[in-house]
Amino acid sequence: MGKILKYSFFDLMRSRWSYVYFLFYLALGFVLLFLNNDVAKAVITLMNVIIVLVPLIGTIFGIMYFYNSREFTELLLAQPIRRSSIFLGQYLGVTGSLTLSLVMGLGIPFVLYGLLRSGAIWDFGLLLLTGAFLTAIFSALSFNIALKHENKIKGFGYAVLLWLFMAVIYDGIFLLSLIVFEEYPLDSFSLVATMINPIDLSRILILLKLDISALLGYTGAIFKAFFGTGLGFLLSFSMLCCWTGIPVWLLVRNAKKKDF
């Protein structure tokens, strides 16, 4: 698995799309710091980009890499190599390369601007951590979709639709339900609905860490009362780990049943 991971990682790092991804975040970091002239404000602005863009890039890169490397995968399957080693190696290679591009692309401008001497270093660290989680989650989900669908167009469409549902449609349904059932106590419902969507969960964690949960009004007070505690943070971190672990387990399970 280590050799496959190494090959997938360096294969993607040599891809021009990885350079584009890295340069985009590099330019974004410098522009935000230039416009805000403050590390803490730049981190707040960057949150909106990370929460939406990172899952989309993880989804697209994952689905494209799986389909483009199908012939190589079939060649590996003909060798005495465990299927779990092949697909986990490829998945970790994709996730590792995307995460490195994210961390380096944003880390360089912020460190040059004085992040290490700023109090926003922990906020920035949490931002990168949630970005790494979202990359791992949506890359694994896209691999599972690609395993289920032979047709590239259909698989790509389902992957983008999944991202669209998680990032946009889910929030609309959630807000609509809060409006329709506003006369009922929805504290527990709000917490559960947030935790079963990794994008919403990441957004809430960052908002609370940046201490701007007041923007969410009454709902923000509920989230702060739960997620702001040590137990709430631990539980939310465990949910992100589950969101990462379950799709990876499904990836290995589906790969063993897949007839290539």
Protein backbone atom coordinates (compact mmCIF):
# COMPACT_ATOMS: atom_id res chain seq x y z
CA MET A 1 0.00 0.00 0.00
CA GLY A 2 2.88 2.34 0.76
CA LYS A 3 4.29 2.04 -2.75
CA ILE A 4 0.89 2.63 -4.34
CA LEU A 5 0.32 5.61 -2.04
CA LYS A 6 3.72 7.03 -2.99
CA TYR A 7 3.06 6.57 -6.70
CA SER A 8 -0.43 8.13 -6.51
CA PHE A 9 0.84 11.01 -4.39
CA PHE A 10 3.72 11.97 -6.68
CA ASP A 11 1.65 11.32 -9.79
CA LEU A 12 -0.88 13.88 -8.62
CA MET A 13 1.77 16.31 -7.39
CA ARG A 14 3.23 16.35 -10.91
CA SER A 15 -0.20 17.08 -12.37
CA ARG A 16 -0.78 20.63 -13.57
CA TRP A 17 -4.09 20.66 -11.70
CA SER A 18 -2.24 20.25 -8.41
CA TYR A 19 -0.11 23.26 -9.31
CA VAL A 20 -3.24 25.23 -10.18
CA TYR A 21 -4.84 24.21 -6.86
CA PHE A 22 -1.70 25.21 -4.96
CA LEU A 23 -1.27 28.53 -6.81
CA PHE A 24 -4.94 29.39 -6.32
CA TYR A 25 -4.67 29.13 -2.55
CA LEU A 26 -1.31 30.89 -2.59
CA ALA A 27 -2.76 33.84 -4.51
CA LEU A 28 -5.94 33.80 -2.40
CA GLY A 29 -3.92 33.99 0.82
CA PHE A 30 -1.85 36.95 -0.37
CA VAL A 31 -4.92 38.80 -1.71
CA LEU A 32 -6.94 38.33 1.49
CA LEU A 33 -4.06 39.47 3.66
CA PHE A 34 -3.50 42.48 1.42
CA LEU A 35 -7.18 43.48 1.51
CA ASN A 36 -7.82 42.82 5.21
CA ASN A 37 -4.39 43.81 6.50
CA ASP A 38 -5.11 41.60 9.50
CA VAL A 39 -4.54 37.87 9.98
CA ALA A 40 -7.64 37.30 12.12
CA LYS A 41 -9.97 38.99 9.62
CA ALA A 42 -8.38 37.10 6.74
CA VAL A 43 -9.05 33.80 8.52
CA ILE A 44 -12.74 34.71 8.89
CA THR A 45 -13.00 35.56 5.19
CA LEU A 46 -11.13 32.41 4.24
CA MET A 47 -13.59 30.21 6.13
CA ASN A 48 -16.35 30.70 3.55
CA VAL A 49 -14.02 29.68 0.72
CA ILE A 50 -12.67 26.61 2.53
CA ILE A 51 -16.07 25.27 3.58
CA VAL A 52 -17.47 25.33 0.03
CA LEU A 53 -14.47 24.93 -2.27
CA VAL A 54 -12.48 22.18 -0.50
CA PRO A 55 -15.32 19.58 -0.63
CA LEU A 56 -15.91 20.41 -4.31
CA ILE A 57 -12.23 20.00 -5.22
CA GLY A 58 -11.98 16.77 -3.19
CA THR A 59 -15.03 15.40 -5.00
CA ILE A 60 -13.86 16.33 -8.49
CA PHE A 61 -10.25 15.22 -8.00
CA GLY A 62 -11.32 11.92 -6.44
CA ILE A 63 -13.77 10.99 -9.19
CA MET A 64 -11.42 12.11 -11.99
CA TYR A 65 -8.41 10.26 -10.59
CA PHE A 66 -10.34 7.02 -10.17
CA TYR A 67 -11.66 7.01 -13.74
CA ASN A 68 -8.38 8.20 -15.30
CA SER A 69 -6.32 5.54 -13.51
CA ARG A 70 -8.75 2.69 -14.19
CA GLU A 71 -6.39 0.86 -16.59
CA PHE A 72 -3.55 1.13 -14.10
CA THR A 73 -5.87 -0.15 -11.36
CA GLU A 74 -6.83 -3.18 -13.47
CA LEU A 75 -3.13 -3.89 -14.02
CA LEU A 76 -2.54 -3.82 -10.27
CA LEU A 77 -5.51 -6.08 -9.66
CA ALA A 78 -3.87 -8.69 -11.87
CA GLN A 79 -0.91 -8.74 -9.46
CA PRO A 80 -0.79 -10.57 -6.10
CA ILE A 81 -1.78 -7.41 -4.23
CA ARG A 82 -4.68 -7.05 -1.83
CA ARG A 83 -7.53 -4.95 -3.13
CA SER A 84 -7.65 -2.95 0.08
CA SER A 85 -3.99 -2.00 -0.37
CA ILE A 86 -4.61 -0.81 -3.94
CA PHE A 87 -7.63 1.37 -3.29
CA LEU A 88 -6.52 2.67 0.10
CA GLY A 89 -3.15 3.57 -1.40
CA GLN A 90 -4.80 5.49 -4.24
CA TYR A 91 -7.26 7.19 -1.89
CA LEU A 92 -4.57 8.25 0.56
CA GLY A 93 -2.43 9.51 -2.33
CA VAL A 94 -5.26 11.73 -3.57
CA THR A 95 -6.13 12.97 -0.08
CA GLY A 96 -2.49 13.59 0.84
CA SER A 97 -1.68 15.57 -2.31
CA LEU A 98 -4.78 17.77 -2.01
CA THR A 99 -4.20 18.39 1.68
CA LEU A 100 -0.55 19.30 1.08
CA SER A 101 -1.53 21.77 -1.66
CA LEU A 102 -4.07 23.33 0.71
CA VAL A 103 -1.71 23.59 3.67
CA MET A 104 1.26 24.88 1.65
CA GLY A 105 -0.82 27.23 -0.48
CA LEU A 106 -2.39 28.96 2.51
CA GLY A 107 0.44 28.41 4.97
CA ILE A 108 3.15 30.24 3.01
CA PRO A 109 1.44 33.67 2.77
CA PHE A 110 0.09 33.55 6.34
CA VAL A 111 3.45 32.54 7.82
CA LEU A 112 5.21 35.28 5.83
CA TYR A 113 2.65 37.76 7.12
CA GLY A 114 3.40 36.88 10.74
CA LEU A 115 0.95 34.12 11.60
CA LEU A 116 3.37 32.51 14.08
CA ARG A 117 3.39 35.72 16.13
CA SER A 118 -0.36 36.20 15.91
CA GLY A 119 -3.08 35.01 18.25
CA ALA A 120 -5.00 33.71 15.24
CA ILE A 121 -2.62 30.78 14.77
CA TRP A 122 -4.99 28.35 16.50
CA ASP A 123 -7.96 29.57 14.47
CA PHE A 124 -5.92 29.12 11.30
CA GLY A 125 -4.86 25.65 12.46
CA LEU A 126 -8.49 24.62 13.02
CA LEU A 127 -9.36 25.96 9.57
CA LEU A 128 -6.70 23.79 7.94
CA LEU A 129 -7.72 20.79 10.06
CA THR A 130 -11.35 21.01 8.97
CA GLY A 131 -10.16 21.50 5.39
CA ALA A 132 -8.14 18.28 5.65
CA PHE A 133 -11.17 16.44 7.06
CA LEU A 134 -13.45 17.70 4.29
CA THR A 135 -10.88 16.68 1.67
CA ALA A 136 -10.66 13.17 3.12
CA ILE A 137 -14.44 12.82 3.46
CA PHE A 138 -15.43 13.93 -0.02
CA SER A 139 -12.54 12.14 -1.73
CA ALA A 140 -13.71 8.89 -0.10
CA LEU A 141 -17.32 9.55 -1.10
CA SER A 142 -16.31 10.21 -4.71
CA PHE A 143 -14.27 6.98 -4.80
CA ASN A 144 -17.35 5.07 -3.63
CA ILE A 145 -19.51 6.68 -6.32
CA ALA A 146 -16.95 5.83 -8.99
CA LEU A 147 -16.86 2.21 -7.81
CA LYS A 148 -20.64 1.98 -8.12
CA HIS A 149 -20.93 3.49 -11.59
CA GLU A 150 -18.97 2.41 -14.65
CA ASN A 151 -20.20 5.33 -16.74
CA LYS A 152 -17.95 8.35 -16.22
CA ILE A 153 -20.61 10.94 -16.98
CA LYS A 154 -23.10 9.35 -14.60
CA GLY A 155 -20.49 8.97 -11.84
CA PHE A 156 -19.29 12.55 -12.25
CA GLY A 157 -22.87 13.81 -12.19
CA TYR A 158 -23.73 11.92 -9.02
CA ALA A 159 -20.55 13.16 -7.33
CA VAL A 160 -21.28 16.81 -8.13
CA LEU A 161 -24.90 16.33 -7.10
CA LEU A 162 -23.74 14.94 -3.75
CA TRP A 163 -21.57 18.00 -3.16
CA LEU A 164 -24.41 20.31 -4.22
CA PHE A 165 -26.79 18.62 -1.81
CA MET A 166 -24.37 18.79 1.12
CA ALA A 167 -23.23 22.37 0.46
CA VAL A 168 -26.42 24.09 -0.68
CA ILE A 169 -29.62 22.05 -0.81
CA TYR A 170 -29.24 20.57 2.68
CA ASP A 171 -28.98 24.04 4.24
CA GLY A 172 -32.09 25.16 2.39
CA ILE A 173 -34.09 22.18 3.63
CA PHE A 174 -32.73 22.71 7.15
CA LEU A 175 -33.69 26.41 7.24
CA LEU A 176 -37.10 25.68 5.73
CA SER A 177 -37.81 23.08 8.41
CA LEU A 178 -36.83 25.58 11.13
CA ILE A 179 -39.29 28.11 9.69
CA VAL A 180 -42.14 25.65 9.26
CA PHE A 181 -41.77 24.16 12.74
CA GLU A 182 -40.71 27.34 14.54
CA GLU A 183 -43.42 26.88 17.19
CA TYR A 184 -41.86 23.62 18.35
CA PRO A 185 -38.68 23.12 20.41
CA LEU A 186 -36.01 22.42 17.81
CA ASP A 187 -32.84 22.54 19.92
CA SER A 188 -32.06 18.83 19.65
CA PHE A 189 -33.14 18.72 16.02
CA SER A 190 -30.79 21.59 15.11
CA LEU A 191 -27.84 19.91 16.78
CA VAL A 192 -28.47 16.52 15.17
CA ALA A 193 -29.14 18.02 11.73
CA THR A 194 -25.87 19.94 11.93
CA MET A 195 -23.80 16.94 12.99
CA ILE A 196 -24.99 14.69 10.17
CA ASN A 197 -23.64 17.11 7.56
CA PRO A 198 -19.82 17.44 7.65
CA ILE A 199 -19.86 20.82 5.89
CA ASP A 200 -22.29 22.36 8.40
CA LEU A 201 -20.44 20.78 11.30
CA SER A 202 -17.13 22.21 10.11
CA ARG A 203 -18.69 25.65 9.63
CA ILE A 204 -20.14 25.69 13.15
CA LEU A 205 -16.85 24.59 14.72
CA ILE A 206 -14.95 27.37 12.96
CA LEU A 207 -17.57 30.01 13.81
CA LEU A 208 -17.45 29.06 17.48
CA LYS A 209 -13.64 29.06 17.53
CA LEU A 210 -13.62 32.51 15.93
CA ASP A 211 -16.14 33.62 18.59
CA ILE A 212 -18.60 35.02 16.05
CA SER A 213 -21.46 32.64 16.84
CA ALA A 214 -23.61 35.72 17.63
CA LEU A 215 -24.13 36.01 13.88
CA LEU A 216 -26.31 32.91 14.13
CA GLY A 217 -28.72 34.49 16.62
CA TYR A 218 -30.64 32.16 18.91
CA THR A 219 -29.39 29.12 17.04
CA GLY A 220 -25.84 30.29 17.65
CA ALA A 221 -26.51 30.36 21.39
CA ILE A 222 -27.69 26.76 21.25
CA PHE A 223 -24.62 25.69 19.29
CA LYS A 224 -22.29 27.57 21.62
CA ALA A 225 -23.90 25.95 24.66
CA PHE A 226 -23.20 22.50 23.18
CA PHE A 227 -20.24 22.69 20.81
CA GLY A 228 -18.51 25.31 22.96
CA THR A 229 -17.96 22.78 25.74
CA GLY A 230 -15.14 20.26 25.85
CA LEU A 231 -17.59 17.37 25.46
CA GLY A 232 -19.30 19.03 22.50
CA PHE A 233 -16.00 19.67 20.73
CA LEU A 234 -14.89 16.09 21.35
CA LEU A 235 -18.19 14.72 20.04
CA SER A 236 -18.07 16.90 16.92
CA PHE A 237 -14.47 15.89 16.27
CA SER A 238 -15.54 12.25 16.67
CA MET A 239 -18.33 12.82 14.13
CA LEU A 240 -15.81 14.15 11.61
CA CYS A 241 -13.68 11.05 12.22
CA CYS A 242 -16.75 8.86 11.62
CA TRP A 243 -17.56 10.78 8.44
CA THR A 244 -14.04 9.97 7.30
CA GLY A 245 -13.85 6.38 8.53
CA ILE A 246 -17.22 5.09 7.30
CA PRO A 247 -16.73 6.04 3.61
CA VAL A 248 -13.22 4.57 3.72
CA TRP A 249 -14.61 1.33 5.16
CA LEU A 250 -17.30 1.31 2.46
CA LEU A 251 -14.58 1.89 -0.14
CA VAL A 252 -12.70 -1.22 0.95
CA ARG A 253 -15.93 -3.23 1.23
CA ASN A 254 -17.21 -2.19 -2.21
CA ALA A 255 -13.79 -2.78 -3.80
CA LYS A 256 -13.78 -6.39 -2.59
CA LYS A 257 -17.19 -7.00 -4.20
CA LYS A 258 -16.48 -5.09 -7.41
CA ASP A 259 -16.07 -7.23 -10.53
CA PHE A 260 -13.49 -5.55 -12.74
